[in-house]
Amino acid sequence: QRAAVAWYTEADDDPRVQIAWFVGETFAAP
């Protein structure tokens, strides 16, 4: 039924793990 992506970033000196859901043909907000 669904798909999602998880990733890591250190943008803005703020290390974080984020996920975003694949909705339709694009991604929802992380």
ModelCIF file with pLDDT and N, C-alpha, C, O atoms, coordinates in Angstrom:
data_MODEL
#
_entry.id   MODEL 
#
_entity.id                         1 
_entity.type                       polymer 
_entity.pdbx_number_of_molecules   1 
#
_entity_poly.entity_id                      1 
_entity_poly.type                           'polypeptide(L)' 
_entity_poly.nstd_linkage                   no 
_entity_poly.nstd_monomer                   no 
_entity_poly.pdbx_seq_one_letter_code       QRAAVAWYTEADDDPRVQIAWFVGETFAAP 
_entity_poly.pdbx_seq_one_letter_code_can   QRAAVAWYTEADDDPRVQIAWFVGETFAAP 
_entity_poly.pdbx_strand_id                 A 
#
loop_
_entity_poly_seq.entity_id 
_entity_poly_seq.num 
_entity_poly_seq.mon_id 
_entity_poly_seq.hetero 
1 1  GLN n 
1 2  ARG n 
1 3  ALA n 
1 4  ALA n 
1 5  VAL n 
1 6  ALA n 
1 7  TRP n 
1 8  TYR n 
1 9  THR n 
1 10 GLU n 
1 11 ALA n 
1 12 ASP n 
1 13 ASP n 
1 14 ASP n 
1 15 PRO n 
1 16 ARG n 
1 17 VAL n 
1 18 GLN n 
1 19 ILE n 
1 20 ALA n 
1 21 TRP n 
1 22 PHE n 
1 23 VAL n 
1 24 GLY n 
1 25 GLU n 
1 26 THR n 
1 27 PHE n 
1 28 ALA n 
1 29 ALA n 
1 30 PRO n 
#
_struct_asym.id          A 
_struct_asym.entity_id   1 
#
loop_
_ma_qa_metric.id 
_ma_qa_metric.mode 
_ma_qa_metric.name 
_ma_qa_metric.software_group_id 
_ma_qa_metric.type 
1 global pLDDT . pLDDT 
2 local  pLDDT . pLDDT 
#
_ma_qa_metric_global.metric_id      1 
_ma_qa_metric_global.metric_value   96.47 
_ma_qa_metric_global.model_id       1 
_ma_qa_metric_global.ordinal_id     1 
#
loop_
_ma_qa_metric_local.label_asym_id 
_ma_qa_metric_local.label_comp_id 
_ma_qa_metric_local.label_seq_id 
_ma_qa_metric_local.metric_id 
_ma_qa_metric_local.metric_value 
_ma_qa_metric_local.model_id 
_ma_qa_metric_local.ordinal_id 
A GLN 1  2 91.00 1 1  
A ARG 2  2 95.00 1 2  
A ALA 3  2 97.00 1 3  
A ALA 4  2 98.00 1 4  
A VAL 5  2 98.00 1 5  
A ALA 6  2 98.00 1 6  
A TRP 7  2 98.00 1 7  
A TYR 8  2 98.00 1 8  
A THR 9  2 98.00 1 9  
A GLU 10 2 98.00 1 10 
A ALA 11 2 97.00 1 11 
A ASP 12 2 96.00 1 12 
A ASP 13 2 96.00 1 13 
A ASP 14 2 97.00 1 14 
A PRO 15 2 98.00 1 15 
A ARG 16 2 98.00 1 16 
A VAL 17 2 98.00 1 17 
A GLN 18 2 98.00 1 18 
A ILE 19 2 98.00 1 19 
A ALA 20 2 98.00 1 20 
A TRP 21 2 98.00 1 21 
A PHE 22 2 97.00 1 22 
A VAL 23 2 94.00 1 23 
A GLY 24 2 89.00 1 24 
A GLU 25 2 92.00 1 25 
A THR 26 2 95.00 1 26 
A PHE 27 2 97.00 1 27 
A ALA 28 2 96.00 1 28 
A ALA 29 2 96.00 1 29 
A PRO 30 2 97.00 1 30 
#
loop_
_atom_site.group_PDB 
_atom_site.id 
_atom_site.type_symbol 
_atom_site.label_atom_id 
_atom_site.label_alt_id 
_atom_site.label_comp_id 
_atom_site.label_asym_id 
_atom_site.label_entity_id 
_atom_site.label_seq_id 
_atom_site.pdbx_PDB_ins_code 
_atom_site.Cartn_x 
_atom_site.Cartn_y 
_atom_site.Cartn_z 
_atom_site.occupancy 
_atom_site.B_iso_or_equiv 
_atom_site.pdbx_formal_charge 
_atom_site.auth_seq_id 
_atom_site.auth_comp_id 
_atom_site.auth_asym_id 
_atom_site.auth_atom_id 
_atom_site.pdbx_PDB_model_num 
ATOM 1   N N  . GLN A 1 1  ? 0.778  -1.234 0.000  1.00 91.00 ? 1  GLN A N  1 
ATOM 2   C CA . GLN A 1 1  ? 0.000  0.000  0.000  1.00 91.00 ? 1  GLN A CA 1 
ATOM 3   C C  . GLN A 1 1  ? 0.813  1.290  0.000  1.00 91.00 ? 1  GLN A C  1 
ATOM 4   O O  . GLN A 1 1  ? 0.322  2.326  -0.450 1.00 91.00 ? 1  GLN A O  1 
ATOM 5   N N  . ARG A 1 2  ? 2.049  1.245  0.497  1.00 95.00 ? 2  ARG A N  1 
ATOM 6   C CA . ARG A 1 2  ? 2.764  2.508  0.739  1.00 95.00 ? 2  ARG A CA 1 
ATOM 7   C C  . ARG A 1 2  ? 4.264  2.339  0.575  1.00 95.00 ? 2  ARG A C  1 
ATOM 8   O O  . ARG A 1 2  ? 4.785  1.228  0.474  1.00 95.00 ? 2  ARG A O  1 
ATOM 9   N N  . ALA A 1 3  ? 4.944  3.490  0.552  1.00 97.00 ? 3  ALA A N  1 
ATOM 10  C CA . ALA A 1 3  ? 6.403  3.507  0.467  1.00 97.00 ? 3  ALA A CA 1 
ATOM 11  C C  . ALA A 1 3  ? 6.922  4.712  1.238  1.00 97.00 ? 3  ALA A C  1 
ATOM 12  O O  . ALA A 1 3  ? 6.208  5.696  1.431  1.00 97.00 ? 3  ALA A O  1 
ATOM 13  N N  . ALA A 1 4  ? 8.171  4.620  1.673  1.00 98.00 ? 4  ALA A N  1 
ATOM 14  C CA . ALA A 1 4  ? 8.769  5.713  2.433  1.00 98.00 ? 4  ALA A CA 1 
ATOM 15  C C  . ALA A 1 4  ? 10.282 5.646  2.294  1.00 98.00 ? 4  ALA A C  1 
ATOM 16  O O  . ALA A 1 4  ? 10.846 4.616  1.925  1.00 98.00 ? 4  ALA A O  1 
ATOM 17  N N  . VAL A 1 5  ? 10.923 6.762  2.596  1.00 98.00 ? 5  VAL A N  1 
ATOM 18  C CA . VAL A 1 5  ? 12.381 6.851  2.592  1.00 98.00 ? 5  VAL A CA 1 
ATOM 19  C C  . VAL A 1 5  ? 12.831 7.396  3.949  1.00 98.00 ? 5  VAL A C  1 
ATOM 20  O O  . VAL A 1 5  ? 12.226 8.321  4.493  1.00 98.00 ? 5  VAL A O  1 
ATOM 21  N N  . ALA A 1 6  ? 13.892 6.812  4.480  1.00 98.00 ? 6  ALA A N  1 
ATOM 22  C CA . ALA A 1 6  ? 14.533 7.310  5.702  1.00 98.00 ? 6  ALA A CA 1 
ATOM 23  C C  . ALA A 1 6  ? 15.937 7.770  5.337  1.00 98.00 ? 6  ALA A C  1 
ATOM 24  O O  . ALA A 1 6  ? 16.598 7.160  4.497  1.00 98.00 ? 6  ALA A O  1 
ATOM 25  N N  . TRP A 1 7  ? 16.394 8.857  5.975  1.00 98.00 ? 7  TRP A N  1 
ATOM 26  C CA . TRP A 1 7  ? 17.738 9.338  5.685  1.00 98.00 ? 7  TRP A CA 1 
ATOM 27  C C  . TRP A 1 7  ? 18.275 10.168 6.847  1.00 98.00 ? 7  TRP A C  1 
ATOM 28  O O  . TRP A 1 7  ? 17.547 10.550 7.764  1.00 98.00 ? 7  TRP A O  1 
ATOM 29  N N  . TYR A 1 8  ? 19.570 10.429 6.770  1.00 98.00 ? 8  TYR A N  1 
ATOM 30  C CA . TYR A 1 8  ? 20.285 11.198 7.793  1.00 98.00 ? 8  TYR A CA 1 
ATOM 31  C C  . TYR A 1 8  ? 20.806 12.477 7.169  1.00 98.00 ? 8  TYR A C  1 
ATOM 32  O O  . TYR A 1 8  ? 21.212 12.491 6.007  1.00 98.00 ? 8  TYR A O  1 
ATOM 33  N N  . THR A 1 9  ? 20.792 13.562 7.951  1.00 98.00 ? 9  THR A N  1 
ATOM 34  C CA . THR A 1 9  ? 21.368 14.822 7.500  1.00 98.00 ? 9  THR A CA 1 
ATOM 35  C C  . THR A 1 9  ? 21.971 15.563 8.687  1.00 98.00 ? 9  THR A C  1 
ATOM 36  O O  . THR A 1 9  ? 21.562 15.376 9.832  1.00 98.00 ? 9  THR A O  1 
ATOM 37  N N  . GLU A 1 10 ? 22.946 16.400 8.387  1.00 98.00 ? 10 GLU A N  1 
ATOM 38  C CA . GLU A 1 10 ? 23.504 17.305 9.400  1.00 98.00 ? 10 GLU A CA 1 
ATOM 39  C C  . GLU A 1 10 ? 23.363 18.751 8.954  1.00 98.00 ? 10 GLU A C  1 
ATOM 40  O O  . GLU A 1 10 ? 24.140 19.609 9.374  1.00 98.00 ? 10 GLU A O  1 
ATOM 41  N N  . ALA A 1 11 ? 22.387 19.026 8.114  1.00 97.00 ? 11 ALA A N  1 
ATOM 42  C CA . ALA A 1 11 ? 22.157 20.397 7.657  1.00 97.00 ? 11 ALA A CA 1 
ATOM 43  C C  . ALA A 1 11 ? 21.893 21.315 8.846  1.00 97.00 ? 11 ALA A C  1 
ATOM 44  O O  . ALA A 1 11 ? 21.251 20.917 9.818  1.00 97.00 ? 11 ALA A O  1 
ATOM 45  N N  . ASP A 1 12 ? 22.392 22.541 8.761  1.00 96.00 ? 12 ASP A N  1 
ATOM 46  C CA . ASP A 1 12 ? 22.228 23.552 9.816  1.00 96.00 ? 12 ASP A CA 1 
ATOM 47  C C  . ASP A 1 12 ? 22.852 23.106 11.135 1.00 96.00 ? 12 ASP A C  1 
ATOM 48  O O  . ASP A 1 12 ? 22.412 23.517 12.208 1.00 96.00 ? 12 ASP A O  1 
ATOM 49  N N  . ASP A 1 13 ? 23.897 22.249 11.045 1.00 96.00 ? 13 ASP A N  1 
ATOM 50  C CA . ASP A 1 13 ? 24.583 21.730 12.247 1.00 96.00 ? 13 ASP A CA 1 
ATOM 51  C C  . ASP A 1 13 ? 23.605 21.064 13.205 1.00 96.00 ? 13 ASP A C  1 
ATOM 52  O O  . ASP A 1 13 ? 23.769 21.140 14.423 1.00 96.00 ? 13 ASP A O  1 
ATOM 53  N N  . ASP A 1 14 ? 22.603 20.419 12.657 1.00 97.00 ? 14 ASP A N  1 
ATOM 54  C CA . ASP A 1 14 ? 21.575 19.748 13.453 1.00 97.00 ? 14 ASP A CA 1 
ATOM 55  C C  . ASP A 1 14 ? 21.441 18.306 12.959 1.00 97.00 ? 14 ASP A C  1 
ATOM 56  O O  . ASP A 1 14 ? 20.605 18.039 12.095 1.00 97.00 ? 14 ASP A O  1 
ATOM 57  N N  . PRO A 1 15 ? 22.244 17.364 13.484 1.00 98.00 ? 15 PRO A N  1 
ATOM 58  C CA . PRO A 1 15 ? 22.157 15.966 13.042 1.00 98.00 ? 15 PRO A CA 1 
ATOM 59  C C  . PRO A 1 15 ? 20.763 15.406 13.317 1.00 98.00 ? 15 PRO A C  1 
ATOM 60  O O  . PRO A 1 15 ? 20.229 15.569 14.414 1.00 98.00 ? 15 PRO A O  1 
ATOM 61  N N  . ARG A 1 16 ? 20.175 14.745 12.316 1.00 98.00 ? 16 ARG A N  1 
ATOM 62  C CA . ARG A 1 16 ? 18.839 14.192 12.501 1.00 98.00 ? 16 ARG A CA 1 
ATOM 63  C C  . ARG A 1 16 ? 18.557 13.074 11.497 1.00 98.00 ? 16 ARG A C  1 
ATOM 64  O O  . ARG A 1 16 ? 19.098 13.045 10.391 1.00 98.00 ? 16 ARG A O  1 
ATOM 65  N N  . VAL A 1 17 ? 17.692 12.159 11.927 1.00 98.00 ? 17 VAL A N  1 
ATOM 66  C CA . VAL A 1 17 ? 17.170 11.104 11.059 1.00 98.00 ? 17 VAL A CA 1 
ATOM 67  C C  . VAL A 1 17 ? 15.740 11.471 10.721 1.00 98.00 ? 17 VAL A C  1 
ATOM 68  O O  . VAL A 1 17 ? 14.936 11.775 11.602 1.00 98.00 ? 17 VAL A O  1 
ATOM 69  N N  . GLN A 1 18 ? 15.431 11.438 9.427  1.00 98.00 ? 18 GLN A N  1 
ATOM 70  C CA . GLN A 1 18 ? 14.115 11.852 8.957  1.00 98.00 ? 18 GLN A CA 1 
ATOM 71  C C  . GLN A 1 18 ? 13.497 10.757 8.102  1.00 98.00 ? 18 GLN A C  1 
ATOM 72  O O  . GLN A 1 18 ? 14.198 9.932  7.517  1.00 98.00 ? 18 GLN A O  1 
ATOM 73  N N  . ILE A 1 19 ? 12.174 10.766 8.043  1.00 98.00 ? 19 ILE A N  1 
ATOM 74  C CA . ILE A 1 19 ? 11.461 9.893  7.112  1.00 98.00 ? 19 ILE A CA 1 
ATOM 75  C C  . ILE A 1 19 ? 10.463 10.738 6.340  1.00 98.00 ? 19 ILE A C  1 
ATOM 76  O O  . ILE A 1 19 ? 9.995  11.768 6.825  1.00 98.00 ? 19 ILE A O  1 
ATOM 77  N N  . ALA A 1 20 ? 10.144 10.289 5.134  1.00 98.00 ? 20 ALA A N  1 
ATOM 78  C CA . ALA A 1 20 ? 9.102  10.942 4.337  1.00 98.00 ? 20 ALA A CA 1 
ATOM 79  C C  . ALA A 1 20 ? 8.325  9.862  3.598  1.00 98.00 ? 20 ALA A C  1 
ATOM 80  O O  . ALA A 1 20 ? 8.905  8.912  3.072  1.00 98.00 ? 20 ALA A O  1 
ATOM 81  N N  . TRP A 1 21 ? 7.001  10.021 3.566  1.00 98.00 ? 21 TRP A N  1 
ATOM 82  C CA . TRP A 1 21 ? 6.121  9.066  2.900  1.00 98.00 ? 21 TRP A CA 1 
ATOM 83  C C  . TRP A 1 21 ? 5.967  9.444  1.435  1.00 98.00 ? 21 TRP A C  1 
ATOM 84  O O  . TRP A 1 21 ? 5.835  10.619 1.091  1.00 98.00 ? 21 TRP A O  1 
ATOM 85  N N  . PHE A 1 22 ? 5.988  8.423  0.576  1.00 97.00 ? 22 PHE A N  1 
ATOM 86  C CA . PHE A 1 22 ? 5.767  8.603  -0.856 1.00 97.00 ? 22 PHE A CA 1 
ATOM 87  C C  . PHE A 1 22 ? 4.259  8.626  -1.083 1.00 97.00 ? 22 PHE A C  1 
ATOM 88  O O  . PHE A 1 22 ? 3.584  7.611  -0.907 1.00 97.00 ? 22 PHE A O  1 
ATOM 89  N N  . VAL A 1 23 ? 3.736  9.782  -1.471 1.00 94.00 ? 23 VAL A N  1 
ATOM 90  C CA . VAL A 1 23 ? 2.293  9.978  -1.606 1.00 94.00 ? 23 VAL A CA 1 
ATOM 91  C C  . VAL A 1 23 ? 1.989  10.396 -3.039 1.00 94.00 ? 23 VAL A C  1 
ATOM 92  O O  . VAL A 1 23 ? 2.447  11.444 -3.496 1.00 94.00 ? 23 VAL A O  1 
ATOM 93  N N  . GLY A 1 24 ? 1.221  9.580  -3.742 1.00 89.00 ? 24 GLY A N  1 
ATOM 94  C CA . GLY A 1 24 ? 0.962  9.867  -5.144 1.00 89.00 ? 24 GLY A CA 1 
ATOM 95  C C  . GLY A 1 24 ? 2.256  9.723  -5.929 1.00 89.00 ? 24 GLY A C  1 
ATOM 96  O O  . GLY A 1 24 ? 2.821  8.634  -6.022 1.00 89.00 ? 24 GLY A O  1 
ATOM 97  N N  . GLU A 1 25 ? 2.712  10.817 -6.485 1.00 92.00 ? 25 GLU A N  1 
ATOM 98  C CA . GLU A 1 25 ? 3.966  10.794 -7.238 1.00 92.00 ? 25 GLU A CA 1 
ATOM 99  C C  . GLU A 1 25 ? 4.992  11.742 -6.636 1.00 92.00 ? 25 GLU A C  1 
ATOM 100 O O  . GLU A 1 25 ? 5.885  12.221 -7.334 1.00 92.00 ? 25 GLU A O  1 
ATOM 101 N N  . THR A 1 26 ? 4.866  12.014 -5.336 1.00 95.00 ? 26 THR A N  1 
ATOM 102 C CA . THR A 1 26 ? 5.819  12.897 -4.667 1.00 95.00 ? 26 THR A CA 1 
ATOM 103 C C  . THR A 1 26 ? 5.935  12.484 -3.205 1.00 95.00 ? 26 THR A C  1 
ATOM 104 O O  . THR A 1 26 ? 5.374  11.467 -2.795 1.00 95.00 ? 26 THR A O  1 
ATOM 105 N N  . PHE A 1 27 ? 6.657  13.269 -2.424 1.00 97.00 ? 27 PHE A N  1 
ATOM 106 C CA . PHE A 1 27 ? 6.858  12.952 -1.016 1.00 97.00 ? 27 PHE A CA 1 
ATOM 107 C C  . PHE A 1 27 ? 6.183  13.981 -0.114 1.00 97.00 ? 27 PHE A C  1 
ATOM 108 O O  . PHE A 1 27 ? 6.167  15.177 -0.404 1.00 97.00 ? 27 PHE A O  1 
ATOM 109 N N  . ALA A 1 28 ? 5.628  13.480 0.989  1.00 96.00 ? 28 ALA A N  1 
ATOM 110 C CA . ALA A 1 28 ? 5.076  14.363 2.013  1.00 96.00 ? 28 ALA A CA 1 
ATOM 111 C C  . ALA A 1 28 ? 6.225  15.032 2.764  1.00 96.00 ? 28 ALA A C  1 
ATOM 112 O O  . ALA A 1 28 ? 7.386  14.664 2.585  1.00 96.00 ? 28 ALA A O  1 
ATOM 113 N N  . ALA A 1 29 ? 5.907  16.001 3.593  1.00 96.00 ? 29 ALA A N  1 
ATOM 114 C CA . ALA A 1 29 ? 6.928  16.696 4.389  1.00 96.00 ? 29 ALA A CA 1 
ATOM 115 C C  . ALA A 1 29 ? 7.635  15.701 5.301  1.00 96.00 ? 29 ALA A C  1 
ATOM 116 O O  . ALA A 1 29 ? 7.010  14.759 5.789  1.00 96.00 ? 29 ALA A O  1 
ATOM 117 N N  . PRO A 1 30 ? 8.930  15.898 5.536  1.00 97.00 ? 30 PRO A N  1 
ATOM 118 C CA . PRO A 1 30 ? 9.683  14.958 6.373  1.00 97.00 ? 30 PRO A CA 1 
ATOM 119 C C  . PRO A 1 30 ? 9.294  15.032 7.842  1.00 97.00 ? 30 PRO A C  1 
ATOM 120 O O  . PRO A 1 30 ? 9.844  14.300 8.664  1.00 97.00 ? 30 PRO A O  1 
#
